Amino acid sequence: MNKYNTYLYQVAYSVLHSTNDAEDLTQEALLKIYASLPQYQHQGFKTWITRITVNKAIDYKRSRERKREQLSDEPELLLPMELTKTVEDEVMYKHRRQRIREYLDEIPDNYRDVLVAFYIEDKSYQEIAVEQGVTLKTVESKLYRAKQWIRKHWREDEWR
């Protein structure tokens, strides 16, 4: 564990690009490696542990993307989960969800697609560019213009 912990963390981080996720995944990979030692066939230990870590990272990333896909269908679910204690809290929560949905509907389609992809689906500029068949600069411009549009058309006190 001491010998390969840093190496496995770097492998996990290269797939996940998140320090917290990479740390958690490294621990899970080390547990999996330990549990799988009886099946190890004494051929390339470092390659074997790298493969286990990469597979766990890919599985984690896929499950995270599936969750995001489900969330992108209902953006209001991205609101913090509050423990509603009263009927009034529940009504306010539903009202806020409805307002967010209405605000998202106001955004022009070409901006909304980029905003949802970047902020809700957590996609990179490159992924968005490939999906939409545009250049990286176009994605940057659309995000910038979308932010400008939001600043111009929304007042913060209206949606908070």
N, C-alpha and C. Protein backbone atom coordinates (compact mmCIF):
# COMPACT_ATOMS: atom_id res chain seq x y z
N MET A 1 0.82 -1.18 0.00
CA MET A 1 0.00 0.00 0.00
C MET A 1 0.87 1.25 0.00
N ASN A 2 1.87 1.30 0.87
CA ASN A 2 2.74 2.48 0.94
C ASN A 2 3.49 2.69 -0.37
N LYS A 3 3.90 1.60 -0.98
CA LYS A 3 4.70 1.69 -2.19
C LYS A 3 3.92 2.20 -3.39
N TYR A 4 2.65 1.79 -3.53
CA TYR A 4 1.88 2.09 -4.74
C TYR A 4 0.75 3.10 -4.55
N ASN A 5 0.52 3.57 -3.34
CA ASN A 5 -0.60 4.47 -3.07
C ASN A 5 -0.56 5.72 -3.96
N THR A 6 0.57 6.40 -4.00
CA THR A 6 0.70 7.63 -4.80
C THR A 6 0.52 7.33 -6.28
N TYR A 7 1.12 6.25 -6.72
CA TYR A 7 1.01 5.87 -8.13
C TYR A 7 -0.45 5.60 -8.51
N LEU A 8 -1.17 4.85 -7.67
CA LEU A 8 -2.57 4.52 -7.95
C LEU A 8 -3.45 5.77 -7.91
N TYR A 9 -3.12 6.68 -7.00
CA TYR A 9 -3.85 7.95 -6.94
C TYR A 9 -3.69 8.70 -8.28
N GLN A 10 -2.47 8.74 -8.79
CA GLN A 10 -2.22 9.44 -10.06
C GLN A 10 -2.98 8.78 -11.21
N VAL A 11 -3.05 7.46 -11.18
CA VAL A 11 -3.80 6.73 -12.22
C VAL A 11 -5.28 7.10 -12.13
N ALA A 12 -5.83 7.07 -10.92
CA ALA A 12 -7.25 7.40 -10.72
C ALA A 12 -7.53 8.85 -11.12
N TYR A 13 -6.64 9.75 -10.73
CA TYR A 13 -6.83 11.16 -11.05
C TYR A 13 -6.79 11.41 -12.56
N SER A 14 -5.94 10.66 -13.26
CA SER A 14 -5.84 10.84 -14.71
C SER A 14 -7.15 10.48 -15.42
N VAL A 15 -7.94 9.62 -14.80
CA VAL A 15 -9.22 9.23 -15.39
C VAL A 15 -10.34 10.16 -14.91
N LEU A 16 -10.33 10.51 -13.61
CA LEU A 16 -11.45 11.23 -13.01
C LEU A 16 -11.31 12.75 -12.97
N HIS A 17 -10.09 13.24 -12.95
CA HIS A 17 -9.82 14.69 -12.89
C HIS A 17 -10.47 15.35 -11.67
N SER A 18 -10.51 14.65 -10.57
CA SER A 18 -11.06 15.18 -9.33
C SER A 18 -10.26 14.60 -8.17
N THR A 19 -9.71 15.48 -7.35
CA THR A 19 -8.86 15.00 -6.25
C THR A 19 -9.66 14.16 -5.25
N ASN A 20 -10.85 14.62 -4.88
CA ASN A 20 -11.65 13.86 -3.90
C ASN A 20 -12.05 12.50 -4.45
N ASP A 21 -12.53 12.47 -5.67
CA ASP A 21 -12.93 11.20 -6.28
C ASP A 21 -11.72 10.27 -6.42
N ALA A 22 -10.59 10.82 -6.80
CA ALA A 22 -9.38 10.00 -6.98
C ALA A 22 -8.92 9.41 -5.65
N GLU A 23 -9.00 10.21 -4.59
CA GLU A 23 -8.62 9.70 -3.26
C GLU A 23 -9.53 8.55 -2.84
N ASP A 24 -10.84 8.74 -2.97
CA ASP A 24 -11.79 7.70 -2.60
C ASP A 24 -11.58 6.44 -3.44
N LEU A 25 -11.40 6.66 -4.73
CA LEU A 25 -11.26 5.53 -5.63
C LEU A 25 -9.96 4.76 -5.37
N THR A 26 -8.90 5.48 -5.00
CA THR A 26 -7.63 4.82 -4.68
C THR A 26 -7.82 3.86 -3.51
N GLN A 27 -8.55 4.30 -2.51
CA GLN A 27 -8.81 3.42 -1.36
C GLN A 27 -9.62 2.20 -1.78
N GLU A 28 -10.64 2.42 -2.60
CA GLU A 28 -11.44 1.29 -3.08
C GLU A 28 -10.59 0.33 -3.91
N ALA A 29 -9.72 0.88 -4.74
CA ALA A 29 -8.87 0.04 -5.58
C ALA A 29 -7.91 -0.78 -4.71
N LEU A 30 -7.35 -0.16 -3.68
CA LEU A 30 -6.45 -0.89 -2.80
C LEU A 30 -7.17 -2.04 -2.09
N LEU A 31 -8.41 -1.81 -1.68
CA LEU A 31 -9.20 -2.88 -1.07
C LEU A 31 -9.47 -4.00 -2.07
N LYS A 32 -9.79 -3.62 -3.30
CA LYS A 32 -10.05 -4.61 -4.36
C LYS A 32 -8.78 -5.42 -4.66
N ILE A 33 -7.66 -4.73 -4.72
CA ILE A 33 -6.39 -5.41 -4.98
C ILE A 33 -6.09 -6.41 -3.87
N TYR A 34 -6.26 -5.97 -2.63
CA TYR A 34 -6.00 -6.85 -1.49
C TYR A 34 -6.91 -8.09 -1.54
N ALA A 35 -8.20 -7.85 -1.82
CA ALA A 35 -9.14 -8.97 -1.88
C ALA A 35 -8.86 -9.90 -3.06
N SER A 36 -8.24 -9.37 -4.11
CA SER A 36 -7.99 -10.17 -5.32
C SER A 36 -6.61 -10.80 -5.34
N LEU A 37 -5.80 -10.60 -4.33
CA LEU A 37 -4.44 -11.16 -4.32
C LEU A 37 -4.39 -12.67 -4.56
N PRO A 38 -5.34 -13.45 -4.02
CA PRO A 38 -5.29 -14.91 -4.30
C PRO A 38 -5.41 -15.25 -5.79
N GLN A 39 -6.05 -14.38 -6.57
CA GLN A 39 -6.20 -14.65 -8.01
C GLN A 39 -5.02 -14.14 -8.83
N TYR A 40 -4.12 -13.37 -8.21
CA TYR A 40 -2.98 -12.81 -8.93
C TYR A 40 -2.09 -13.94 -9.45
N GLN A 41 -1.68 -13.84 -10.73
CA GLN A 41 -0.94 -14.91 -11.38
C GLN A 41 0.55 -14.63 -11.51
N HIS A 42 1.07 -13.70 -10.74
CA HIS A 42 2.50 -13.39 -10.69
C HIS A 42 3.08 -13.02 -12.05
N GLN A 43 2.35 -12.19 -12.77
CA GLN A 43 2.83 -11.69 -14.06
C GLN A 43 2.55 -10.19 -14.12
N GLY A 44 3.53 -9.38 -13.88
CA GLY A 44 3.39 -7.93 -14.00
C GLY A 44 2.48 -7.33 -12.94
N PHE A 45 2.96 -7.26 -11.72
CA PHE A 45 2.14 -6.77 -10.61
C PHE A 45 1.67 -5.35 -10.83
N LYS A 46 2.57 -4.46 -11.26
CA LYS A 46 2.20 -3.06 -11.44
C LYS A 46 1.14 -2.91 -12.54
N THR A 47 1.27 -3.68 -13.59
CA THR A 47 0.28 -3.66 -14.67
C THR A 47 -1.07 -4.14 -14.16
N TRP A 48 -1.04 -5.17 -13.34
CA TRP A 48 -2.26 -5.76 -12.78
C TRP A 48 -2.99 -4.76 -11.87
N ILE A 49 -2.26 -4.11 -10.97
CA ILE A 49 -2.91 -3.15 -10.07
C ILE A 49 -3.36 -1.89 -10.82
N THR A 50 -2.63 -1.52 -11.86
CA THR A 50 -3.04 -0.37 -12.68
C THR A 50 -4.36 -0.68 -13.38
N ARG A 51 -4.46 -1.87 -13.92
CA ARG A 51 -5.68 -2.28 -14.64
C ARG A 51 -6.88 -2.28 -13.69
N ILE A 52 -6.71 -2.77 -12.49
CA ILE A 52 -7.79 -2.78 -11.50
C ILE A 52 -8.23 -1.35 -11.20
N THR A 53 -7.27 -0.46 -10.99
CA THR A 53 -7.57 0.93 -10.67
C THR A 53 -8.27 1.63 -11.83
N VAL A 54 -7.75 1.44 -13.02
CA VAL A 54 -8.36 2.07 -14.20
C VAL A 54 -9.79 1.56 -14.39
N ASN A 55 -10.00 0.26 -14.25
CA ASN A 55 -11.35 -0.29 -14.41
C ASN A 55 -12.31 0.28 -13.37
N LYS A 56 -11.87 0.39 -12.12
CA LYS A 56 -12.71 0.97 -11.07
C LYS A 56 -13.02 2.43 -11.38
N ALA A 57 -12.03 3.17 -11.87
CA ALA A 57 -12.23 4.59 -12.20
C ALA A 57 -13.22 4.74 -13.35
N ILE A 58 -13.08 3.92 -14.36
CA ILE A 58 -14.00 3.98 -15.51
C ILE A 58 -15.41 3.64 -15.06
N ASP A 59 -15.56 2.60 -14.24
CA ASP A 59 -16.88 2.24 -13.73
C ASP A 59 -17.49 3.38 -12.93
N TYR A 60 -16.68 4.01 -12.10
CA TYR A 60 -17.16 5.13 -11.29
C TYR A 60 -17.60 6.29 -12.19
N LYS A 61 -16.78 6.59 -13.18
CA LYS A 61 -17.09 7.70 -14.09
C LYS A 61 -18.38 7.42 -14.86
N ARG A 62 -18.57 6.19 -15.31
CA ARG A 62 -19.79 5.83 -16.02
C ARG A 62 -21.01 5.98 -15.13
N SER A 63 -20.91 5.53 -13.89
CA SER A 63 -22.06 5.63 -12.99
C SER A 63 -22.38 7.09 -12.70
N ARG A 64 -21.35 7.92 -12.57
CA ARG A 64 -21.55 9.35 -12.33
C ARG A 64 -22.23 10.00 -13.55
N GLU A 65 -21.83 9.60 -14.75
CA GLU A 65 -22.45 10.14 -15.96
C GLU A 65 -23.90 9.71 -16.10
N ARG A 66 -24.22 8.49 -15.70
CA ARG A 66 -25.61 8.03 -15.74
C ARG A 66 -26.46 8.87 -14.80
N LYS A 67 -25.92 9.18 -13.64
CA LYS A 67 -26.66 10.01 -12.68
C LYS A 67 -26.87 11.40 -13.25
N ARG A 68 -25.85 11.96 -13.93
CA ARG A 68 -25.98 13.29 -14.53
C ARG A 68 -27.04 13.29 -15.62
N GLU A 69 -27.09 12.22 -16.42
CA GLU A 69 -28.09 12.15 -17.48
C GLU A 69 -29.49 12.19 -16.89
N GLN A 70 -29.68 11.48 -15.79
CA GLN A 70 -30.98 11.50 -15.13
C GLN A 70 -31.28 12.89 -14.60
N LEU A 71 -30.28 13.56 -14.06
CA LEU A 71 -30.48 14.89 -13.51
C LEU A 71 -30.76 15.92 -14.59
N SER A 72 -30.13 15.77 -15.74
CA SER A 72 -30.30 16.79 -16.78
C SER A 72 -31.72 16.83 -17.31
N ASP A 73 -32.47 15.76 -17.13
CA ASP A 73 -33.87 15.76 -17.54
C ASP A 73 -34.71 16.66 -16.65
N GLU A 74 -34.30 16.81 -15.39
CA GLU A 74 -35.01 17.66 -14.46
C GLU A 74 -34.01 18.53 -13.72
N PRO A 75 -33.63 19.68 -14.30
CA PRO A 75 -32.60 20.52 -13.70
C PRO A 75 -32.95 21.02 -12.31
N GLU A 76 -34.23 21.09 -12.00
CA GLU A 76 -34.58 21.57 -10.67
C GLU A 76 -34.14 20.61 -9.57
N LEU A 77 -33.84 19.38 -9.92
CA LEU A 77 -33.36 18.43 -8.93
C LEU A 77 -31.96 18.78 -8.45
N LEU A 78 -31.29 19.71 -9.13
CA LEU A 78 -29.96 20.13 -8.71
C LEU A 78 -30.01 21.08 -7.52
N LEU A 79 -31.21 21.47 -7.12
CA LEU A 79 -31.34 22.29 -5.92
C LEU A 79 -30.90 21.48 -4.72
N PRO A 80 -30.38 22.13 -3.68
CA PRO A 80 -29.99 21.38 -2.50
C PRO A 80 -31.19 20.64 -1.92
N MET A 81 -30.95 19.43 -1.52
CA MET A 81 -32.02 18.65 -0.93
C MET A 81 -32.25 19.15 0.49
N GLU A 82 -33.36 19.75 0.69
CA GLU A 82 -33.67 20.30 1.99
C GLU A 82 -34.66 19.38 2.69
N LEU A 83 -34.51 19.29 3.97
CA LEU A 83 -35.48 18.54 4.73
C LEU A 83 -36.68 19.45 4.97
N THR A 84 -37.76 19.14 4.31
CA THR A 84 -38.92 19.98 4.47
C THR A 84 -39.64 19.57 5.74
N LYS A 85 -39.85 20.55 6.60
CA LYS A 85 -40.45 20.26 7.89
C LYS A 85 -41.90 20.71 7.96
N THR A 86 -42.26 21.66 7.11
CA THR A 86 -43.62 22.16 7.14
C THR A 86 -44.20 22.16 5.75
N VAL A 87 -45.49 22.33 5.67
CA VAL A 87 -46.17 22.43 4.39
C VAL A 87 -45.68 23.67 3.66
N GLU A 88 -45.45 24.74 4.39
CA GLU A 88 -44.96 25.98 3.80
C GLU A 88 -43.60 25.77 3.13
N ASP A 89 -42.70 25.04 3.79
CA ASP A 89 -41.39 24.74 3.20
C ASP A 89 -41.54 23.96 1.90
N GLU A 90 -42.44 23.00 1.90
CA GLU A 90 -42.67 22.19 0.71
C GLU A 90 -43.21 23.04 -0.44
N VAL A 91 -44.14 23.92 -0.16
CA VAL A 91 -44.71 24.80 -1.17
C VAL A 91 -43.64 25.73 -1.72
N MET A 92 -42.83 26.31 -0.85
CA MET A 92 -41.75 27.20 -1.29
C MET A 92 -40.75 26.46 -2.16
N TYR A 93 -40.41 25.24 -1.78
CA TYR A 93 -39.47 24.43 -2.54
C TYR A 93 -40.02 24.15 -3.94
N LYS A 94 -41.28 23.76 -4.03
CA LYS A 94 -41.90 23.48 -5.33
C LYS A 94 -41.97 24.74 -6.18
N HIS A 95 -42.27 25.86 -5.54
CA HIS A 95 -42.34 27.13 -6.26
C HIS A 95 -40.97 27.50 -6.83
N ARG A 96 -39.94 27.30 -6.05
CA ARG A 96 -38.58 27.61 -6.50
C ARG A 96 -38.18 26.71 -7.67
N ARG A 97 -38.51 25.44 -7.59
CA ARG A 97 -38.22 24.51 -8.68
C ARG A 97 -38.90 24.96 -9.97
N GLN A 98 -40.15 25.38 -9.84
CA GLN A 98 -40.90 25.84 -11.01
C GLN A 98 -40.26 27.09 -11.61
N ARG A 99 -39.83 28.01 -10.76
CA ARG A 99 -39.19 29.24 -11.26
C ARG A 99 -37.90 28.93 -11.99
N ILE A 100 -37.10 28.02 -11.48
CA ILE A 100 -35.85 27.65 -12.15
C ILE A 100 -36.15 27.06 -13.52
N ARG A 101 -37.15 26.21 -13.58
CA ARG A 101 -37.53 25.62 -14.88
C ARG A 101 -37.97 26.72 -15.85
N GLU A 102 -38.75 27.67 -15.36
CA GLU A 102 -39.20 28.78 -16.21
C GLU A 102 -38.02 29.63 -16.68
N TYR A 103 -37.09 29.91 -15.78
CA TYR A 103 -35.91 30.70 -16.16
C TYR A 103 -35.09 29.98 -17.23
N LEU A 104 -34.92 28.68 -17.07
CA LEU A 104 -34.16 27.93 -18.07
C LEU A 104 -34.87 27.95 -19.42
N ASP A 105 -36.19 27.94 -19.39
CA ASP A 105 -36.94 27.99 -20.64
C ASP A 105 -36.80 29.34 -21.34
N GLU A 106 -36.51 30.40 -20.58
CA GLU A 106 -36.35 31.74 -21.16
C GLU A 106 -35.04 31.89 -21.94
N ILE A 107 -34.04 31.14 -21.56
CA ILE A 107 -32.73 31.27 -22.20
C ILE A 107 -32.82 30.81 -23.64
N PRO A 108 -32.26 31.57 -24.58
CA PRO A 108 -32.26 31.13 -25.99
C PRO A 108 -31.65 29.73 -26.13
N ASP A 109 -32.21 28.95 -27.05
CA ASP A 109 -31.81 27.55 -27.20
C ASP A 109 -30.30 27.35 -27.36
N ASN A 110 -29.67 28.17 -28.22
CA ASN A 110 -28.24 27.96 -28.48
C ASN A 110 -27.41 28.21 -27.22
N TYR A 111 -27.87 29.08 -26.33
CA TYR A 111 -27.17 29.30 -25.07
C TYR A 111 -27.53 28.22 -24.04
N ARG A 112 -28.80 27.85 -24.00
CA ARG A 112 -29.25 26.86 -23.01
C ARG A 112 -28.51 25.54 -23.19
N ASP A 113 -28.35 25.10 -24.44
CA ASP A 113 -27.67 23.84 -24.70
C ASP A 113 -26.26 23.84 -24.12
N VAL A 114 -25.54 24.93 -24.33
CA VAL A 114 -24.16 25.01 -23.85
C VAL A 114 -24.13 25.12 -22.32
N LEU A 115 -25.03 25.93 -21.75
CA LEU A 115 -25.08 26.07 -20.29
C LEU A 115 -25.38 24.75 -19.60
N VAL A 116 -26.37 24.03 -20.11
CA VAL A 116 -26.74 22.75 -19.51
C VAL A 116 -25.59 21.76 -19.65
N ALA A 117 -24.99 21.71 -20.83
CA ALA A 117 -23.88 20.77 -21.05
C ALA A 117 -22.71 21.07 -20.12
N PHE A 118 -22.37 22.33 -19.96
CA PHE A 118 -21.19 22.70 -19.17
C PHE A 118 -21.47 22.66 -17.67
N TYR A 119 -22.53 23.30 -17.22
CA TYR A 119 -22.77 23.44 -15.79
C TYR A 119 -23.55 22.30 -15.16
N ILE A 120 -24.47 21.72 -15.88
CA ILE A 120 -25.28 20.65 -15.30
C ILE A 120 -24.71 19.28 -15.63
N GLU A 121 -24.34 19.07 -16.88
CA GLU A 121 -23.80 17.77 -17.29
C GLU A 121 -22.30 17.67 -17.06
N ASP A 122 -21.66 18.79 -16.69
CA ASP A 122 -20.24 18.84 -16.34
C ASP A 122 -19.34 18.36 -17.48
N LYS A 123 -19.68 18.78 -18.69
CA LYS A 123 -18.88 18.40 -19.86
C LYS A 123 -17.81 19.45 -20.12
N SER A 124 -16.73 19.03 -20.71
CA SER A 124 -15.65 19.95 -21.04
C SER A 124 -15.99 20.73 -22.30
N TYR A 125 -15.26 21.82 -22.55
CA TYR A 125 -15.46 22.58 -23.77
C TYR A 125 -15.29 21.67 -24.99
N GLN A 126 -14.27 20.81 -24.92
CA GLN A 126 -13.96 19.91 -26.04
C GLN A 126 -15.13 18.96 -26.31
N GLU A 127 -15.69 18.37 -25.24
CA GLU A 127 -16.82 17.45 -25.42
C GLU A 127 -18.02 18.17 -26.03
N ILE A 128 -18.28 19.38 -25.56
CA ILE A 128 -19.41 20.15 -26.09
C ILE A 128 -19.18 20.47 -27.56
N ALA A 129 -17.96 20.88 -27.89
CA ALA A 129 -17.63 21.22 -29.28
C ALA A 129 -17.86 20.02 -30.20
N VAL A 130 -17.41 18.86 -29.77
CA VAL A 130 -17.57 17.65 -30.60
C VAL A 130 -19.05 17.31 -30.75
N GLU A 131 -19.81 17.34 -29.64
CA GLU A 131 -21.22 16.99 -29.69
C GLU A 131 -22.01 17.95 -30.58
N GLN A 132 -21.68 19.24 -30.50
CA GLN A 132 -22.45 20.23 -31.26
C GLN A 132 -21.86 20.50 -32.64
N GLY A 133 -20.71 19.92 -32.93
CA GLY A 133 -20.09 20.10 -34.24
C GLY A 133 -19.61 21.52 -34.48
N VAL A 134 -19.07 22.14 -33.43
CA VAL A 134 -18.56 23.51 -33.53
C VAL A 134 -17.13 23.55 -33.01
N THR A 135 -16.48 24.70 -33.16
CA THR A 135 -15.11 24.84 -32.67
C THR A 135 -15.11 25.14 -31.18
N LEU A 136 -13.93 24.98 -30.58
CA LEU A 136 -13.76 25.29 -29.17
C LEU A 136 -14.05 26.76 -28.90
N LYS A 137 -13.62 27.62 -29.79
CA LYS A 137 -13.86 29.06 -29.64
C LYS A 137 -15.36 29.38 -29.65
N THR A 138 -16.11 28.65 -30.45
CA THR A 138 -17.55 28.86 -30.50
C THR A 138 -18.19 28.51 -29.17
N VAL A 139 -17.75 27.42 -28.57
CA VAL A 139 -18.27 27.03 -27.25
C VAL A 139 -17.94 28.11 -26.23
N GLU A 140 -16.70 28.59 -26.24
CA GLU A 140 -16.31 29.65 -25.31
C GLU A 140 -17.17 30.89 -25.51
N SER A 141 -17.37 31.27 -26.76
CA SER A 141 -18.19 32.45 -27.07
C SER A 141 -19.63 32.27 -26.61
N LYS A 142 -20.20 31.10 -26.86
CA LYS A 142 -21.59 30.85 -26.45
C LYS A 142 -21.74 30.92 -24.93
N LEU A 143 -20.77 30.34 -24.21
CA LEU A 143 -20.85 30.41 -22.75
C LEU A 143 -20.72 31.85 -22.26
N TYR A 144 -19.82 32.60 -22.85
CA TYR A 144 -19.65 34.00 -22.46
C TYR A 144 -20.93 34.78 -22.74
N ARG A 145 -21.48 34.59 -23.92
CA ARG A 145 -22.71 35.31 -24.29
C ARG A 145 -23.90 34.87 -23.44
N ALA A 146 -23.94 33.59 -23.09
CA ALA A 146 -25.02 33.11 -22.22
C ALA A 146 -24.95 33.78 -20.86
N LYS A 147 -23.75 33.90 -20.32
CA LYS A 147 -23.58 34.57 -19.02
C LYS A 147 -24.00 36.04 -19.13
N GLN A 148 -23.62 36.67 -20.23
CA GLN A 148 -24.00 38.07 -20.44
C GLN A 148 -25.52 38.19 -20.54
N TRP A 149 -26.15 37.27 -21.25
CA TRP A 149 -27.60 37.27 -21.40
C TRP A 149 -28.27 37.14 -20.03
N ILE A 150 -27.76 36.22 -19.21
CA ILE A 150 -28.32 36.02 -17.87
C ILE A 150 -28.18 37.28 -17.03
N ARG A 151 -27.00 37.89 -17.06
CA ARG A 151 -26.79 39.12 -16.29
C ARG A 151 -27.74 40.23 -16.73
N LYS A 152 -28.01 40.28 -18.00
CA LYS A 152 -28.86 41.34 -18.54
C LYS A 152 -30.34 41.10 -18.23
N HIS A 153 -30.78 39.85 -18.29
CA HIS A 153 -32.21 39.55 -18.19
C HIS A 153 -32.68 39.10 -16.81
N TRP A 154 -31.80 38.67 -15.96
CA TRP A 154 -32.21 38.18 -14.65
C TRP A 154 -31.62 39.06 -13.56
N ARG A 155 -32.42 39.29 -12.58
CA ARG A 155 -31.91 39.92 -11.38
C ARG A 155 -31.74 38.83 -10.34
N GLU A 156 -30.66 38.88 -9.61
CA GLU A 156 -30.37 37.79 -8.65
C GLU A 156 -31.47 37.63 -7.62
N ASP A 157 -32.02 38.73 -7.17
CA ASP A 157 -33.07 38.62 -6.13
C ASP A 157 -34.35 37.99 -6.64
N GLU A 158 -34.51 37.85 -7.94
CA GLU A 158 -35.72 37.21 -8.49
C GLU A 158 -35.68 35.69 -8.35
N TRP A 159 -34.52 35.11 -8.39
CA TRP A 159 -34.47 33.64 -8.41
C TRP A 159 -33.81 33.04 -7.19
N ARG A 160 -33.41 33.80 -6.26
CA ARG A 160 -32.81 33.25 -5.03
C ARG A 160 -33.86 33.02 -4.00
